[in-house]
Amino acid sequence: MAEKLPLFALSAASSLAALALQVHAPASVGQLPFGWRLENAIVTYVTYIWQMFWPANLAVFYPHPDDHLALWQVMLAAAF
């Protein structure tokens, strides 16, 4: 149990940092509607699962799709 304390401390510190950033910059989250962020999350989860099995065209930075998700992508990802 004691060997996990440093990891717990790092996790708590990163959580506090993320919370502080959210409090001081709420506009960064509210720029996009919740429905679009939910659709993006669904498609992104399936994309990451796909990339675990077929790791091609990987990048450090993935550009934001800016509300350009096709309805078929969202429906297919939600069905998966």
PDB file of N, CA and C in Angstrom:
ATOM      1  N   MET A   1       0.820  -1.191   0.000  1.00  0.00           N
ATOM      2  CA  MET A   1       0.000   0.000   0.000  1.00  0.00           C
ATOM      3  C   MET A   1       0.871   1.264   0.000  1.00  0.00           C
ATOM      4  N   ALA A   2       1.944   1.260   0.737  1.00  0.00           N
ATOM      5  CA  ALA A   2       2.793   2.449   0.832  1.00  0.00           C
ATOM      6  C   ALA A   2       3.468   2.773  -0.497  1.00  0.00           C
ATOM      7  N   GLU A   3       3.704   1.767  -1.325  1.00  0.00           N
ATOM      8  CA  GLU A   3       4.354   2.016  -2.609  1.00  0.00           C
ATOM      9  C   GLU A   3       3.439   2.760  -3.577  1.00  0.00           C
ATOM     10  N   LYS A   4       2.141   2.754  -3.302  1.00  0.00           N
ATOM     11  CA  LYS A   4       1.180   3.437  -4.169  1.00  0.00           C
ATOM     12  C   LYS A   4       0.962   4.889  -3.769  1.00  0.00           C
ATOM     13  N   LEU A   5       1.440   5.314  -2.632  1.00  0.00           N
ATOM     14  CA  LEU A   5       1.221   6.684  -2.166  1.00  0.00           C
ATOM     15  C   LEU A   5       1.811   7.742  -3.114  1.00  0.00           C
ATOM     16  N   PRO A   6       3.021   7.567  -3.640  1.00  0.00           N
ATOM     17  CA  PRO A   6       3.511   8.582  -4.587  1.00  0.00           C
ATOM     18  C   PRO A   6       2.637   8.697  -5.840  1.00  0.00           C
ATOM     19  N   LEU A   7       2.134   7.588  -6.328  1.00  0.00           N
ATOM     20  CA  LEU A   7       1.254   7.626  -7.494  1.00  0.00           C
ATOM     21  C   LEU A   7      -0.069   8.313  -7.166  1.00  0.00           C
ATOM     22  N   PHE A   8      -0.583   8.051  -5.971  1.00  0.00           N
ATOM     23  CA  PHE A   8      -1.805   8.708  -5.535  1.00  0.00           C
ATOM     24  C   PHE A   8      -1.581  10.214  -5.417  1.00  0.00           C
ATOM     25  N   ALA A   9      -0.435  10.623  -4.912  1.00  0.00           N
ATOM     26  CA  ALA A   9      -0.120  12.047  -4.772  1.00  0.00           C
ATOM     27  C   ALA A   9      -0.026  12.709  -6.151  1.00  0.00           C
ATOM     28  N   LEU A  10       0.600  12.049  -7.118  1.00  0.00           N
ATOM     29  CA  LEU A  10       0.672  12.594  -8.474  1.00  0.00           C
ATOM     30  C   LEU A  10      -0.714  12.702  -9.107  1.00  0.00           C
ATOM     31  N   SER A  11      -1.538  11.707  -8.866  1.00  0.00           N
ATOM     32  CA  SER A  11      -2.894  11.736  -9.394  1.00  0.00           C
ATOM     33  C   SER A  11      -3.703  12.871  -8.775  1.00  0.00           C
ATOM     34  N   ALA A  12      -3.585  13.043  -7.473  1.00  0.00           N
ATOM     35  CA  ALA A  12      -4.299  14.122  -6.794  1.00  0.00           C
ATOM     36  C   ALA A  12      -3.816  15.489  -7.278  1.00  0.00           C
ATOM     37  N   ALA A  13      -2.509  15.642  -7.470  1.00  0.00           N
ATOM     38  CA  ALA A  13      -1.970  16.918  -7.932  1.00  0.00           C
ATOM     39  C   ALA A  13      -2.452  17.248  -9.341  1.00  0.00           C
ATOM     40  N   SER A  14      -2.469  16.261 -10.224  1.00  0.00           N
ATOM     41  CA  SER A  14      -2.935  16.530 -11.584  1.00  0.00           C
ATOM     42  C   SER A  14      -4.436  16.810 -11.607  1.00  0.00           C
ATOM     43  N   SER A  15      -5.187  16.170 -10.723  1.00  0.00           N
ATOM     44  CA  SER A  15      -6.620  16.451 -10.633  1.00  0.00           C
ATOM     45  C   SER A  15      -6.868  17.870 -10.155  1.00  0.00           C
ATOM     46  N   LEU A  16      -6.120  18.301  -9.165  1.00  0.00           N
ATOM     47  CA  LEU A  16      -6.264  19.665  -8.661  1.00  0.00           C
ATOM     48  C   LEU A  16      -5.855  20.689  -9.719  1.00  0.00           C
ATOM     49  N   ALA A  17      -4.814  20.399 -10.469  1.00  0.00           N
ATOM     50  CA  ALA A  17      -4.394  21.312 -11.531  1.00  0.00           C
ATOM     51  C   ALA A  17      -5.466  21.419 -12.616  1.00  0.00           C
ATOM     52  N   ALA A  18      -6.046  20.304 -13.006  1.00  0.00           N
ATOM     53  CA  ALA A  18      -7.109  20.315 -14.016  1.00  0.00           C
ATOM     54  C   ALA A  18      -8.330  21.073 -13.509  1.00  0.00           C
ATOM     55  N   LEU A  19      -8.678  20.874 -12.249  1.00  0.00           N
ATOM     56  CA  LEU A  19      -9.818  21.585 -11.664  1.00  0.00           C
ATOM     57  C   LEU A  19      -9.555  23.088 -11.622  1.00  0.00           C
ATOM     58  N   ALA A  20      -8.354  23.472 -11.249  1.00  0.00           N
ATOM     59  CA  ALA A  20      -8.013  24.900 -11.190  1.00  0.00           C
ATOM     60  C   ALA A  20      -8.077  25.526 -12.582  1.00  0.00           C
ATOM     61  N   LEU A  21      -7.620  24.816 -13.591  1.00  0.00           N
ATOM     62  CA  LEU A  21      -7.680  25.348 -14.950  1.00  0.00           C
ATOM     63  C   LEU A  21      -9.121  25.470 -15.437  1.00  0.00           C
ATOM     64  N   GLN A  22      -9.971  24.532 -15.062  1.00  0.00           N
ATOM     65  CA  GLN A  22     -11.374  24.602 -15.463  1.00  0.00           C
ATOM     66  C   GLN A  22     -12.083  25.773 -14.804  1.00  0.00           C
ATOM     67  N   VAL A  23     -11.731  26.054 -13.560  1.00  0.00           N
ATOM     68  CA  VAL A  23     -12.362  27.159 -12.841  1.00  0.00           C
ATOM     69  C   VAL A  23     -11.938  28.501 -13.442  1.00  0.00           C
ATOM     70  N   HIS A  24     -10.675  28.624 -13.799  1.00  0.00           N
ATOM     71  CA  HIS A  24     -10.159  29.897 -14.300  1.00  0.00           C
ATOM     72  C   HIS A  24     -10.370  30.102 -15.788  1.00  0.00           C
ATOM     73  N   ALA A  25     -10.693  29.080 -16.516  1.00  0.00           N
ATOM     74  CA  ALA A  25     -10.915  29.209 -17.962  1.00  0.00           C
ATOM     75  C   ALA A  25     -12.173  28.450 -18.381  1.00  0.00           C
ATOM     76  N   PRO A  26     -13.349  28.818 -17.852  1.00  0.00           N
ATOM     77  CA  PRO A  26     -14.560  28.061 -18.201  1.00  0.00           C
ATOM     78  C   PRO A  26     -14.985  28.240 -19.651  1.00  0.00           C
ATOM     79  N   ALA A  27     -14.555  29.310 -20.300  1.00  0.00           N
ATOM     80  CA  ALA A  27     -14.956  29.535 -21.685  1.00  0.00           C
ATOM     81  C   ALA A  27     -14.354  28.506 -22.633  1.00  0.00           C
ATOM     82  N   SER A  28     -13.234  27.918 -22.268  1.00  0.00           N
ATOM     83  CA  SER A  28     -12.602  26.948 -23.155  1.00  0.00           C
ATOM     84  C   SER A  28     -13.449  25.694 -23.313  1.00  0.00           C
ATOM     85  N   VAL A  29     -14.206  25.332 -22.290  1.00  0.00           N
ATOM     86  CA  VAL A  29     -15.056  24.157 -22.375  1.00  0.00           C
ATOM     87  C   VAL A  29     -16.399  24.504 -23.002  1.00  0.00           C
ATOM     88  N   GLY A  30     -16.880  25.698 -22.743  1.00  0.00           N
ATOM     89  CA  GLY A  30     -18.210  26.076 -23.202  1.00  0.00           C
ATOM     90  C   GLY A  30     -18.278  26.580 -24.621  1.00  0.00           C
ATOM     91  N   GLN A  31     -17.188  26.568 -25.360  1.00  0.00           N
ATOM     92  CA  GLN A  31     -17.218  27.082 -26.723  1.00  0.00           C
ATOM     93  C   GLN A  31     -18.032  26.201 -27.659  1.00  0.00           C
ATOM     94  N   LEU A  32     -18.044  24.934 -27.416  1.00  0.00           N
ATOM     95  CA  LEU A  32     -18.783  24.004 -28.269  1.00  0.00           C
ATOM     96  C   LEU A  32     -19.989  23.474 -27.513  1.00  0.00           C
ATOM     97  N   PRO A  33     -21.093  23.248 -28.204  1.00  0.00           N
ATOM     98  CA  PRO A  33     -22.283  22.717 -27.527  1.00  0.00           C
ATOM     99  C   PRO A  33     -22.039  21.310 -26.974  1.00  0.00           C
ATOM    100  N   PHE A  34     -22.775  20.991 -25.909  1.00  0.00           N
ATOM    101  CA  PHE A  34     -22.594  19.700 -25.254  1.00  0.00           C
ATOM    102  C   PHE A  34     -22.879  18.540 -26.198  1.00  0.00           C
ATOM    103  N   GLY A  35     -23.907  18.660 -27.013  1.00  0.00           N
ATOM    104  CA  GLY A  35     -24.252  17.578 -27.943  1.00  0.00           C
ATOM    105  C   GLY A  35     -23.126  17.259 -28.904  1.00  0.00           C
ATOM    106  N   TRP A  36     -22.469  18.305 -29.407  1.00  0.00           N
ATOM    107  CA  TRP A  36     -21.359  18.061 -30.325  1.00  0.00           C
ATOM    108  C   TRP A  36     -20.182  17.424 -29.603  1.00  0.00           C
ATOM    109  N   ARG A  37     -19.918  17.870 -28.364  1.00  0.00           N
ATOM    110  CA  ARG A  37     -18.810  17.270 -27.611  1.00  0.00           C
ATOM    111  C   ARG A  37     -19.097  15.807 -27.321  1.00  0.00           C
ATOM    112  N   LEU A  38     -20.363  15.470 -27.060  1.00  0.00           N
ATOM    113  CA  LEU A  38     -20.738  14.071 -26.819  1.00  0.00           C
ATOM    114  C   LEU A  38     -20.536  13.237 -28.082  1.00  0.00           C
ATOM    115  N   GLU A  39     -20.975  13.760 -29.228  1.00  0.00           N
ATOM    116  CA  GLU A  39     -20.773  13.047 -30.493  1.00  0.00           C
ATOM    117  C   GLU A  39     -19.284  12.841 -30.772  1.00  0.00           C
ATOM    118  N   ASN A  40     -18.490  13.866 -30.531  1.00  0.00           N
ATOM    119  CA  ASN A  40     -17.049  13.771 -30.749  1.00  0.00           C
ATOM    120  C   ASN A  40     -16.427  12.724 -29.830  1.00  0.00           C
ATOM    121  N   ALA A  41     -16.889  12.663 -28.579  1.00  0.00           N
ATOM    122  CA  ALA A  41     -16.359  11.672 -27.640  1.00  0.00           C
ATOM    123  C   ALA A  41     -16.677  10.255 -28.101  1.00  0.00           C
ATOM    124  N   ILE A  42     -17.878  10.040 -28.585  1.00  0.00           N
ATOM    125  CA  ILE A  42     -18.272   8.700 -29.047  1.00  0.00           C
ATOM    126  C   ILE A  42     -17.400   8.266 -30.225  1.00  0.00           C
ATOM    127  N   VAL A  43     -17.241   9.153 -31.199  1.00  0.00           N
ATOM    128  CA  VAL A  43     -16.430   8.823 -32.379  1.00  0.00           C
ATOM    129  C   VAL A  43     -14.964   8.633 -31.982  1.00  0.00           C
ATOM    130  N   THR A  44     -14.473   9.452 -31.063  1.00  0.00           N
ATOM    131  CA  THR A  44     -13.078   9.360 -30.645  1.00  0.00           C
ATOM    132  C   THR A  44     -12.789   8.056 -29.918  1.00  0.00           C
ATOM    133  N   TYR A  45     -13.707   7.598 -29.057  1.00  0.00           N
ATOM    134  CA  TYR A  45     -13.508   6.317 -28.373  1.00  0.00           C
ATOM    135  C   TYR A  45     -13.348   5.188 -29.377  1.00  0.00           C
ATOM    136  N   VAL A  46     -14.214   5.154 -30.361  1.00  0.00           N
ATOM    137  CA  VAL A  46     -14.139   4.087 -31.366  1.00  0.00           C
ATOM    138  C   VAL A  46     -12.863   4.221 -32.188  1.00  0.00           C
ATOM    139  N   THR A  47     -12.462   5.450 -32.487  1.00  0.00           N
ATOM    140  CA  THR A  47     -11.219   5.668 -33.227  1.00  0.00           C
ATOM    141  C   THR A  47     -10.021   5.136 -32.458  1.00  0.00           C
ATOM    142  N   TYR A  48      -9.960   5.404 -31.162  1.00  0.00           N
ATOM    143  CA  TYR A  48      -8.842   4.920 -30.356  1.00  0.00           C
ATOM    144  C   TYR A  48      -8.850   3.397 -30.246  1.00  0.00           C
ATOM    145  N   ILE A  49     -10.014   2.800 -30.142  1.00  0.00           N
ATOM    146  CA  ILE A  49     -10.093   1.335 -30.109  1.00  0.00           C
ATOM    147  C   ILE A  49      -9.577   0.771 -31.436  1.00  0.00           C
ATOM    148  N   TRP A  50      -9.982   1.391 -32.542  1.00  0.00           N
ATOM    149  CA  TRP A  50      -9.518   0.956 -33.855  1.00  0.00           C
ATOM    150  C   TRP A  50      -8.000   1.091 -33.957  1.00  0.00           C
ATOM    151  N   GLN A  51      -7.456   2.180 -33.437  1.00  0.00           N
ATOM    152  CA  GLN A  51      -6.017   2.407 -33.536  1.00  0.00           C
ATOM    153  C   GLN A  51      -5.209   1.448 -32.659  1.00  0.00           C
ATOM    154  N   MET A  52      -5.832   0.849 -31.666  1.00  0.00           N
ATOM    155  CA  MET A  52      -5.136  -0.181 -30.886  1.00  0.00           C
ATOM    156  C   MET A  52      -4.856  -1.406 -31.744  1.00  0.00           C
ATOM    157  N   PHE A  53      -5.773  -1.706 -32.662  1.00  0.00           N
ATOM    158  CA  PHE A  53      -5.626  -2.891 -33.494  1.00  0.00           C
ATOM    159  C   PHE A  53      -4.958  -2.585 -34.831  1.00  0.00           C
ATOM    160  N   TRP A  54      -5.086  -1.343 -35.318  1.00  0.00           N
ATOM    161  CA  TRP A  54      -4.487  -0.947 -36.581  1.00  0.00           C
ATOM    162  C   TRP A  54      -3.798   0.401 -36.393  1.00  0.00           C
ATOM    163  N   PRO A  55      -2.578   0.400 -35.841  1.00  0.00           N
ATOM    164  CA  PRO A  55      -1.891   1.660 -35.524  1.00  0.00           C
ATOM    165  C   PRO A  55      -1.224   2.296 -36.749  1.00  0.00           C
ATOM    166  N   ALA A  56      -2.031   2.896 -37.592  1.00  0.00           N
ATOM    167  CA  ALA A  56      -1.515   3.570 -38.781  1.00  0.00           C
ATOM    168  C   ALA A  56      -1.931   5.038 -38.744  1.00  0.00           C
ATOM    169  N   ASN A  57      -1.132   5.886 -39.358  1.00  0.00           N
ATOM    170  CA  ASN A  57      -1.398   7.324 -39.425  1.00  0.00           C
ATOM    171  C   ASN A  57      -1.557   7.957 -38.046  1.00  0.00           C
ATOM    172  N   LEU A  58      -0.696   7.577 -37.125  1.00  0.00           N
ATOM    173  CA  LEU A  58      -0.734   8.142 -35.789  1.00  0.00           C
ATOM    174  C   LEU A  58       0.003   9.473 -35.771  1.00  0.00           C
ATOM    175  N   ALA A  59      -0.426  10.375 -34.879  1.00  0.00           N
ATOM    176  CA  ALA A  59       0.200  11.693 -34.786  1.00  0.00           C
ATOM    177  C   ALA A  59       0.213  12.125 -33.326  1.00  0.00           C
ATOM    178  N   VAL A  60       1.090  13.064 -33.024  1.00  0.00           N
ATOM    179  CA  VAL A  60       1.135  13.621 -31.673  1.00  0.00           C
ATOM    180  C   VAL A  60      -0.051  14.543 -31.462  1.00  0.00           C
ATOM    181  N   PHE A  61      -0.406  15.312 -32.472  1.00  0.00           N
ATOM    182  CA  PHE A  61      -1.499  16.272 -32.386  1.00  0.00           C
ATOM    183  C   PHE A  61      -2.542  15.918 -33.433  1.00  0.00           C
ATOM    184  N   TYR A  62      -3.776  15.761 -32.993  1.00  0.00           N
ATOM    185  CA  TYR A  62      -4.882  15.523 -33.900  1.00  0.00           C
ATOM    186  C   TYR A  62      -5.705  16.798 -33.999  1.00  0.00           C
ATOM    187  N   PRO A  63      -5.849  17.372 -35.176  1.00  0.00           N
ATOM    188  CA  PRO A  63      -6.613  18.614 -35.290  1.00  0.00           C
ATOM    189  C   PRO A  63      -8.080  18.397 -34.920  1.00  0.00           C
ATOM    190  N   HIS A  64      -8.669  19.418 -34.337  1.00  0.00           N
ATOM    191  CA  HIS A  64     -10.066  19.352 -33.925  1.00  0.00           C
ATOM    192  C   HIS A  64     -10.949  19.355 -35.163  1.00  0.00           C
ATOM    193  N   PRO A  65     -11.952  18.487 -35.227  1.00  0.00           N
ATOM    194  CA  PRO A  65     -12.768  18.401 -36.445  1.00  0.00           C
ATOM    195  C   PRO A  65     -13.703  19.587 -36.666  1.00  0.00           C
ATOM    196  N   ASP A  66     -13.849  20.498 -35.709  1.00  0.00           N
ATOM    197  CA  ASP A  66     -14.660  21.715 -35.860  1.00  0.00           C
ATOM    198  C   ASP A  66     -16.063  21.446 -36.396  1.00  0.00           C
ATOM    199  N   ASP A  67     -16.782  20.574 -35.739  1.00  0.00           N
ATOM    200  CA  ASP A  67     -18.185  20.302 -36.079  1.00  0.00           C
ATOM    201  C   ASP A  67     -18.341  19.746 -37.490  1.00  0.00           C
ATOM    202  N   HIS A  68     -17.386  18.917 -37.910  1.00  0.00           N
ATOM    203  CA  HIS A  68     -17.450  18.300 -39.232  1.00  0.00           C
ATOM    204  C   HIS A  68     -17.601  16.792 -39.135  1.00  0.00           C
ATOM    205  N   LEU A  69     -18.314  16.309 -38.155  1.00  0.00           N
ATOM    206  CA  LEU A  69     -18.544  14.873 -38.039  1.00  0.00           C
ATOM    207  C   LEU A  69     -19.790  14.509 -38.836  1.00  0.00           C
ATOM    208  N   ALA A  70     -19.656  13.495 -39.668  1.00  0.00           N
ATOM    209  CA  ALA A  70     -20.802  13.036 -40.443  1.00  0.00           C
ATOM    210  C   ALA A  70     -21.746  12.245 -39.537  1.00  0.00           C
ATOM    211  N   LEU A  71     -23.033  12.334 -39.833  1.00  0.00           N
ATOM    212  CA  LEU A  71     -24.031  11.639 -39.024  1.00  0.00           C
ATOM    213  C   LEU A  71     -23.796  10.131 -39.038  1.00  0.00           C
ATOM    214  N   TRP A  72     -23.347   9.602 -40.184  1.00  0.00           N
ATOM    215  CA  TRP A  72     -23.113   8.156 -40.245  1.00  0.00           C
ATOM    216  C   TRP A  72     -21.977   7.740 -39.330  1.00  0.00           C
ATOM    217  N   GLN A  73     -20.959   8.606 -39.159  1.00  0.00           N
ATOM    218  CA  GLN A  73     -19.859   8.281 -38.258  1.00  0.00           C
ATOM    219  C   GLN A  73     -20.346   8.187 -36.818  1.00  0.00           C
ATOM    220  N   VAL A  74     -21.158   9.145 -36.424  1.00  0.00           N
ATOM    221  CA  VAL A  74     -21.670   9.167 -35.051  1.00  0.00           C
ATOM    222  C   VAL A  74     -22.570   7.961 -34.803  1.00  0.00           C
ATOM    223  N   MET A  75     -23.467   7.667 -35.739  1.00  0.00           N
ATOM    224  CA  MET A  75     -24.398   6.540 -35.572  1.00  0.00           C
ATOM    225  C   MET A  75     -23.668   5.198 -35.543  1.00  0.00           C
ATOM    226  N   LEU A  76     -22.691   5.044 -36.427  1.00  0.00           N
ATOM    227  CA  LEU A  76     -21.937   3.794 -36.472  1.00  0.00           C
ATOM    228  C   LEU A  76     -21.111   3.624 -35.191  1.00  0.00           C
ATOM    229  N   ALA A  77     -20.515   4.697 -34.712  1.00  0.00           N
ATOM    230  CA  ALA A  77     -19.720   4.626 -33.474  1.00  0.00           C
ATOM    231  C   ALA A  77     -20.619   4.344 -32.280  1.00  0.00           C
ATOM    232  N   ALA A  78     -21.790   4.954 -32.243  1.00  0.00           N
ATOM    233  CA  ALA A  78     -22.721   4.696 -31.144  1.00  0.00           C
ATOM    234  C   ALA A  78     -23.232   3.262 -31.173  1.00  0.00           C
ATOM    235  N   ALA A  79     -23.436   2.720 -32.353  1.00  0.00           N
ATOM    236  CA  ALA A  79     -23.896   1.329 -32.468  1.00  0.00           C
ATOM    237  C   ALA A  79     -22.807   0.363 -32.024  1.00  0.00           C
ATOM    238  N   PHE A  80     -21.550   0.726 -32.286  1.00  0.00           N
ATOM    239  CA  PHE A  80     -20.434  -0.127 -31.876  1.00  0.00           C
ATOM    240  C   PHE A  80     -20.353  -0.160 -30.376  1.00  0.00           C
TER     241      PHE A  80
END
